[in-house]
Amino acid sequence: MTPAPTVSFADALVRGPLVLDGGLSNQLAAQGCDLSDALWSARLLADAPGQIEQAHAAYVRAGAQVLITASYQATFEGFARRGLGRREAAELLRRSVELARSAAEKEAPGKDVWVAASVGPYGAFLADGSEYRGRYGLSVAELERFHRPRIETLVEAEPDVLALETVPDVAEAEALLRAVAGCGVPVWLSYSAAGGRTRAGQPLREAFALAAGNDQVVAVGVNCCTPADADGAVRMAAEAARKPVVVYPNSGEEWDAAARSWTGRPAFTPDRVTTWRAAGARLLGGCCRVGPGEIEALARALAVDPDPGPA
């Protein structure tokens, strides 16, 4: 197995900010991959793993220090719909971590690059946009039972951190934190948000406070939101959870479902890094429609921006 970083993820956060990667799906699309599938990028874990490693490598070259795996939409239930048994599905989940680790070693030998195993929300498995609504009609206990098996499998592959990401609902956040308890791997908790609330409508301050006092949670924040929503959320997260903040918004463009195209202009700009960092952000990157070019610019901005001190 490719060697893990020499410094633990939690210790690295104490030392200073880390650059996250950008959107995996948009980089895969740029490489010519077809993502028109309910499994989205997770399909490529079986069909074209080399493409996933190539996408990770592009972000390492751009300056990313943390790679998020292609397991966001990878679940035992989702793979079962495609006729894959549990053993095959488990192998694909573990492969997601191995591909990121391999890309890091090949592109940055001798340098520390951390691997974050993505744990997407239940709505990602449904593949109907529910991750932007939440409130699935399931109890916290039911959601915990859904998430636990794949979390346990991802942990077996020894990632540096688990990314509990694009969480739309406080109830699901609670279920995820229960599912990871005692697994031995640190986690970050990142909500999808709009207008100062979770996508399910709960106040973000209350959502962030769920992680306060939980030592396994090393960072809390937002992703897959607009850069403008990220601006307000970073300081709120730092105040409510008293932890380092993770922030990786979308480009700011909007998806027109009828036209099947993106509209508007990108609002993700490197100069926002100064504001986010000063407010407590320690993990900074991008999500949908943010590619290696934007991450390279963000990495340059972090390199010249003086450290404002601990969060």
Protein backbone atom coordinates (compact mmCIF):
# COMPACT_ATOMS: atom_id res chain seq x y z
CA MET A 1 0.00 0.00 0.00
CA THR A 2 1.15 3.54 -0.73
CA PRO A 3 2.55 5.16 2.43
CA ALA A 4 0.37 7.54 4.41
CA PRO A 5 1.51 11.08 5.30
CA THR A 6 4.15 11.49 8.00
CA VAL A 7 2.03 14.04 9.89
CA SER A 8 -1.48 13.23 11.11
CA PHE A 9 -4.34 15.17 9.60
CA ALA A 10 -5.29 16.75 12.95
CA ASP A 11 -1.69 17.86 13.58
CA ALA A 12 -1.47 19.31 10.07
CA LEU A 13 -4.54 21.46 10.77
CA VAL A 14 -2.85 22.89 13.85
CA ARG A 15 0.20 23.85 11.80
CA GLY A 16 -1.74 25.90 9.26
CA PRO A 17 -4.34 25.91 6.50
CA LEU A 18 -4.59 23.06 4.00
CA VAL A 19 -5.67 23.28 0.36
CA LEU A 20 -8.51 20.96 -0.61
CA ASP A 21 -9.10 19.78 -4.16
CA GLY A 22 -11.98 20.90 -6.38
CA GLY A 23 -14.91 19.16 -8.00
CA LEU A 24 -14.04 15.60 -8.97
CA SER A 25 -16.98 15.24 -11.35
CA ASN A 26 -16.17 18.32 -13.42
CA GLN A 27 -12.56 17.19 -13.80
CA LEU A 28 -13.71 13.73 -14.88
CA ALA A 29 -16.06 15.35 -17.39
CA ALA A 30 -13.16 17.45 -18.67
CA GLN A 31 -11.28 14.20 -19.22
CA GLY A 32 -14.13 12.96 -21.42
CA CYS A 33 -15.88 10.68 -18.90
CA ASP A 34 -19.62 10.05 -19.17
CA LEU A 35 -21.25 10.74 -15.78
CA SER A 36 -24.88 10.37 -16.87
CA ASP A 37 -25.55 7.57 -14.44
CA ALA A 38 -27.24 7.26 -11.04
CA LEU A 39 -23.88 6.26 -9.56
CA TRP A 40 -22.27 9.39 -11.02
CA SER A 41 -18.49 9.33 -10.56
CA ALA A 42 -18.72 6.19 -8.38
CA ARG A 43 -19.43 4.14 -11.53
CA LEU A 44 -15.89 4.79 -12.67
CA LEU A 45 -14.49 2.99 -9.63
CA ALA A 46 -15.45 -0.19 -11.49
CA ASP A 47 -15.40 0.91 -15.13
CA ALA A 48 -12.47 3.35 -15.36
CA PRO A 49 -10.45 3.63 -12.14
CA GLY A 50 -7.52 5.09 -14.07
CA GLN A 51 -9.64 8.12 -14.92
CA ILE A 52 -10.30 8.75 -11.24
CA GLU A 53 -6.60 8.52 -10.41
CA GLN A 54 -5.86 10.89 -13.29
CA ALA A 55 -8.39 13.42 -11.93
CA HIS A 56 -6.87 13.24 -8.45
CA ALA A 57 -3.43 13.74 -9.99
CA ALA A 58 -4.58 16.93 -11.73
CA TYR A 59 -5.50 18.42 -8.36
CA VAL A 60 -2.21 17.39 -6.75
CA ARG A 61 -0.37 19.17 -9.56
CA ALA A 62 -2.57 22.22 -8.92
CA GLY A 63 -1.42 22.32 -5.29
CA ALA A 64 -4.14 20.37 -3.44
CA GLN A 65 -2.92 18.92 -0.15
CA VAL A 66 -6.12 17.00 0.56
CA LEU A 67 -7.82 14.69 -1.96
CA ILE A 68 -11.49 13.74 -1.51
CA THR A 69 -12.28 10.25 -2.76
CA ALA A 70 -14.80 9.18 -5.41
CA SER A 71 -17.03 7.52 -2.80
CA TYR A 72 -19.57 10.34 -2.38
CA GLN A 73 -22.27 8.39 -4.21
CA ALA A 74 -20.83 4.93 -3.54
CA THR A 75 -23.03 2.79 -1.30
CA PHE A 76 -23.75 -0.91 -0.90
CA GLU A 77 -27.35 -0.24 -1.87
CA GLY A 78 -26.42 1.75 -4.95
CA PHE A 79 -23.98 -0.88 -6.19
CA ALA A 80 -26.57 -3.60 -5.51
CA ARG A 81 -28.89 -1.90 -7.99
CA ARG A 82 -26.19 -2.51 -10.57
CA GLY A 83 -25.93 -6.18 -9.68
CA LEU A 84 -22.79 -5.96 -7.54
CA GLY A 85 -22.61 -8.07 -4.38
CA ARG A 86 -21.36 -6.81 -1.04
CA ARG A 87 -17.85 -8.16 -1.53
CA GLU A 88 -17.46 -6.39 -4.88
CA ALA A 89 -18.99 -3.20 -3.49
CA ALA A 90 -16.65 -3.24 -0.51
CA GLU A 91 -13.68 -3.60 -2.82
CA LEU A 92 -14.79 -0.57 -4.84
CA LEU A 93 -15.21 1.52 -1.69
CA ARG A 94 -11.71 0.62 -0.56
CA ARG A 95 -10.41 1.26 -4.06
CA SER A 96 -11.60 4.87 -3.86
CA VAL A 97 -9.12 5.50 -1.05
CA GLU A 98 -6.32 3.57 -2.77
CA LEU A 99 -6.69 5.56 -6.01
CA ALA A 100 -6.36 8.89 -4.21
CA ARG A 101 -3.37 7.64 -2.23
CA SER A 102 -1.69 6.36 -5.38
CA ALA A 103 -2.18 9.65 -7.23
CA ALA A 104 -0.65 11.55 -4.32
CA GLU A 105 2.40 9.32 -4.20
CA LYS A 106 3.00 9.49 -7.96
CA GLU A 107 2.52 13.24 -8.29
CA ALA A 108 4.07 14.40 -5.01
CA PRO A 109 6.52 11.73 -3.82
CA GLY A 110 7.92 12.50 -0.42
CA LYS A 111 5.33 15.21 0.27
CA ASP A 112 2.39 14.92 2.63
CA VAL A 113 -0.94 14.73 0.81
CA TRP A 114 -3.90 13.61 2.92
CA VAL A 115 -6.79 11.45 1.70
CA ALA A 116 -10.34 12.25 2.82
CA ALA A 117 -12.82 9.41 2.29
CA SER A 118 -16.06 10.99 1.12
CA VAL A 119 -19.25 9.98 2.92
CA GLY A 120 -22.09 11.60 1.04
CA PRO A 121 -25.64 11.97 2.38
CA TYR A 122 -28.49 9.50 1.96
CA GLY A 123 -29.89 11.78 -0.72
CA ALA A 124 -26.85 11.09 -2.92
CA PHE A 125 -27.82 7.42 -3.00
CA LEU A 126 -31.37 8.37 -4.06
CA ALA A 127 -29.85 10.36 -6.96
CA ASP A 128 -32.90 12.63 -7.16
CA GLY A 129 -31.54 15.84 -5.70
CA SER A 130 -32.59 14.95 -2.15
CA GLU A 131 -29.18 15.95 -0.82
CA TYR A 132 -30.35 19.53 -1.42
CA ARG A 133 -33.58 19.03 0.52
CA GLY A 134 -32.99 16.59 3.37
CA ARG A 135 -35.90 15.49 5.52
CA TYR A 136 -36.10 12.05 3.90
CA GLY A 137 -38.75 10.72 6.26
CA LEU A 138 -36.23 8.42 7.95
CA SER A 139 -35.32 8.40 11.62
CA VAL A 140 -31.84 9.13 12.94
CA ALA A 141 -31.48 5.42 13.77
CA GLU A 142 -32.45 4.41 10.22
CA LEU A 143 -29.97 6.83 8.72
CA GLU A 144 -27.26 5.58 11.05
CA ARG A 145 -27.90 2.00 9.91
CA PHE A 146 -27.61 3.11 6.29
CA HIS A 147 -24.31 4.93 6.74
CA ARG A 148 -22.48 2.63 9.15
CA PRO A 149 -21.52 -0.28 6.79
CA ARG A 150 -19.82 1.89 4.18
CA ILE A 151 -18.11 3.98 6.85
CA GLU A 152 -16.69 0.81 8.36
CA THR A 153 -15.52 -0.33 4.92
CA LEU A 154 -13.90 3.00 4.09
CA VAL A 155 -12.11 2.98 7.44
CA GLU A 156 -10.58 -0.39 6.52
CA ALA A 157 -8.75 1.36 3.66
CA GLU A 158 -7.07 3.68 6.19
CA PRO A 159 -7.94 7.18 4.96
CA ASP A 160 -6.53 10.11 6.91
CA VAL A 161 -9.95 11.62 7.57
CA LEU A 162 -13.62 10.98 6.75
CA ALA A 163 -15.41 13.79 4.92
CA LEU A 164 -19.03 13.81 6.08
CA GLU A 165 -20.03 16.18 3.32
CA THR A 166 -22.96 17.92 1.65
CA VAL A 167 -25.11 17.08 4.67
CA PRO A 168 -28.49 18.80 4.22
CA ASP A 169 -30.13 18.05 7.55
CA VAL A 170 -29.21 18.18 11.24
CA ALA A 171 -30.87 14.78 11.76
CA GLU A 172 -28.55 13.23 9.18
CA ALA A 173 -25.55 14.95 10.74
CA GLU A 174 -26.49 13.38 14.06
CA ALA A 175 -26.81 9.97 12.40
CA LEU A 176 -23.42 10.32 10.73
CA LEU A 177 -21.70 11.32 13.95
CA ARG A 178 -23.21 8.29 15.65
CA ALA A 179 -22.06 6.04 12.80
CA VAL A 180 -18.45 7.22 12.95
CA ALA A 181 -18.14 7.18 16.74
CA GLY A 182 -15.29 4.94 17.82
CA CYS A 183 -14.03 4.21 14.29
CA GLY A 184 -10.60 5.61 15.06
CA VAL A 185 -10.51 8.10 12.17
CA PRO A 186 -11.04 11.87 12.53
CA VAL A 187 -13.89 13.46 10.57
CA TRP A 188 -14.97 16.78 9.21
CA LEU A 189 -18.65 17.70 9.06
CA SER A 190 -19.75 19.88 6.16
CA TYR A 191 -23.30 21.01 5.46
CA SER A 192 -24.91 22.07 2.20
CA ALA A 193 -26.46 25.42 2.97
CA ALA A 194 -28.30 28.43 1.62
CA GLY A 195 -29.29 31.71 3.23
CA GLY A 196 -27.82 30.93 6.63
CA ARG A 197 -29.69 27.64 6.94
CA THR A 198 -29.17 24.01 6.10
CA ARG A 199 -30.88 22.85 2.94
CA ALA A 200 -33.54 21.32 5.18
CA GLY A 201 -34.17 24.74 6.69
CA GLN A 202 -32.53 24.51 10.12
CA PRO A 203 -30.45 27.47 11.37
CA LEU A 204 -26.81 26.88 10.47
CA ARG A 205 -25.57 28.04 13.86
CA GLU A 206 -27.52 25.24 15.54
CA ALA A 207 -26.28 22.75 12.94
CA PHE A 208 -22.64 23.69 13.54
CA ALA A 209 -23.09 23.53 17.31
CA LEU A 210 -23.85 19.81 16.99
CA ALA A 211 -20.10 19.23 16.58
CA ALA A 212 -19.05 21.33 19.57
CA GLY A 213 -17.28 19.22 22.18
CA ASN A 214 -16.93 16.22 19.84
CA ASP A 215 -13.17 15.64 19.66
CA GLN A 216 -13.47 13.30 16.68
CA VAL A 217 -14.72 16.23 14.57
CA VAL A 218 -11.61 18.16 13.59
CA ALA A 219 -13.37 20.69 11.35
CA VAL A 220 -16.89 21.86 10.59
CA GLY A 221 -18.27 24.01 7.82
CA VAL A 222 -20.00 24.08 4.43
CA ASN A 223 -19.60 22.81 0.88
CA CYS A 224 -21.63 22.67 -2.33
CA CYS A 225 -23.07 26.12 -1.69
CA THR A 226 -22.51 29.48 -3.35
CA PRO A 227 -19.36 31.43 -2.48
CA ALA A 228 -21.61 34.14 -1.05
CA ASP A 229 -23.27 31.68 1.32
CA ALA A 230 -19.81 30.42 2.30
CA ASP A 231 -18.76 33.95 3.25
CA GLY A 232 -21.23 34.14 6.10
CA ALA A 233 -21.05 30.51 7.12
CA VAL A 234 -17.33 30.38 7.91
CA ARG A 235 -17.39 32.78 10.84
CA MET A 236 -20.64 31.30 12.10
CA ALA A 237 -19.12 27.80 12.08
CA ALA A 238 -16.02 28.95 13.96
CA GLU A 239 -18.11 30.65 16.62
CA ALA A 240 -20.69 27.89 17.06
CA ALA A 241 -18.41 24.84 17.05
CA ARG A 242 -15.13 26.37 18.30
CA LYS A 243 -13.22 24.31 15.75
CA PRO A 244 -11.26 24.87 12.54
CA VAL A 245 -13.57 25.52 9.61
CA VAL A 246 -13.80 23.63 6.32
CA VAL A 247 -15.14 25.52 3.30
CA TYR A 248 -15.37 24.39 -0.31
CA PRO A 249 -18.20 26.05 -2.23
CA ASN A 250 -19.33 25.65 -5.82
CA SER A 251 -18.32 28.03 -8.59
CA GLY A 252 -21.43 30.16 -8.08
CA GLU A 253 -23.04 29.25 -11.40
CA GLU A 254 -26.56 27.77 -11.40
CA TRP A 255 -27.84 24.63 -13.09
CA ASP A 256 -30.77 25.13 -15.45
CA ALA A 257 -32.51 21.73 -15.38
CA ALA A 258 -34.77 22.55 -18.34
CA ALA A 259 -31.92 23.67 -20.59
CA ARG A 260 -29.52 21.09 -19.15
CA SER A 261 -26.81 23.73 -18.86
CA TRP A 262 -25.07 26.03 -16.38
CA THR A 263 -26.04 29.69 -16.25
CA GLY A 264 -24.60 32.80 -14.67
CA ARG A 265 -21.00 33.72 -14.04
CA PRO A 266 -18.51 32.08 -11.66
CA ALA A 267 -18.16 33.82 -8.30
CA PHE A 268 -15.41 31.61 -6.91
CA THR A 269 -12.36 33.87 -6.75
CA PRO A 270 -9.05 33.42 -4.90
CA ASP A 271 -9.40 36.75 -3.10
CA ARG A 272 -12.19 35.24 -0.99
CA VAL A 273 -9.56 33.03 0.64
CA THR A 274 -8.32 35.97 2.71
CA THR A 275 -11.77 36.50 4.21
CA TRP A 276 -12.41 32.82 4.84
CA ARG A 277 -9.01 32.26 6.39
CA ALA A 278 -9.26 35.29 8.66
CA ALA A 279 -12.65 34.04 9.85
CA GLY A 280 -11.26 30.64 10.90
CA ALA A 281 -11.08 28.48 7.77
CA ARG A 282 -8.29 25.89 7.82
CA LEU A 283 -9.48 23.59 5.01
CA LEU A 284 -10.16 25.54 1.82
CA GLY A 285 -11.06 24.29 -1.63
CA GLY A 286 -13.87 24.01 -4.13
CA CYS A 287 -16.79 21.79 -5.06
CA CYS A 288 -18.90 21.66 -8.25
CA ARG A 289 -17.49 23.51 -11.27
CA VAL A 290 -14.28 24.43 -9.42
CA GLY A 291 -11.38 22.89 -11.30
CA PRO A 292 -7.59 22.60 -11.06
CA GLY A 293 -7.11 26.15 -12.37
CA GLU A 294 -9.12 27.64 -9.52
CA ILE A 295 -7.42 25.41 -6.95
CA GLU A 296 -4.01 26.46 -8.26
CA ALA A 297 -4.98 30.12 -7.81
CA LEU A 298 -6.35 29.40 -4.34
CA ALA A 299 -3.13 27.63 -3.37
CA ARG A 300 -1.09 30.62 -4.54
CA ALA A 301 -3.30 32.96 -2.52
CA LEU A 302 -2.82 30.89 0.62
CA ALA A 303 0.92 30.81 0.09
CA VAL A 304 1.19 34.61 0.17
CA ASP A 305 -1.52 35.39 2.72
CA PRO A 306 0.02 35.75 6.24
CA ASP A 307 -1.38 33.34 8.84
CA PRO A 308 -3.84 35.17 11.13
CA GLY A 309 -3.21 32.71 13.97
CA PRO A 310 -5.09 29.73 15.40
CA ALA A 311 -8.83 29.46 15.00
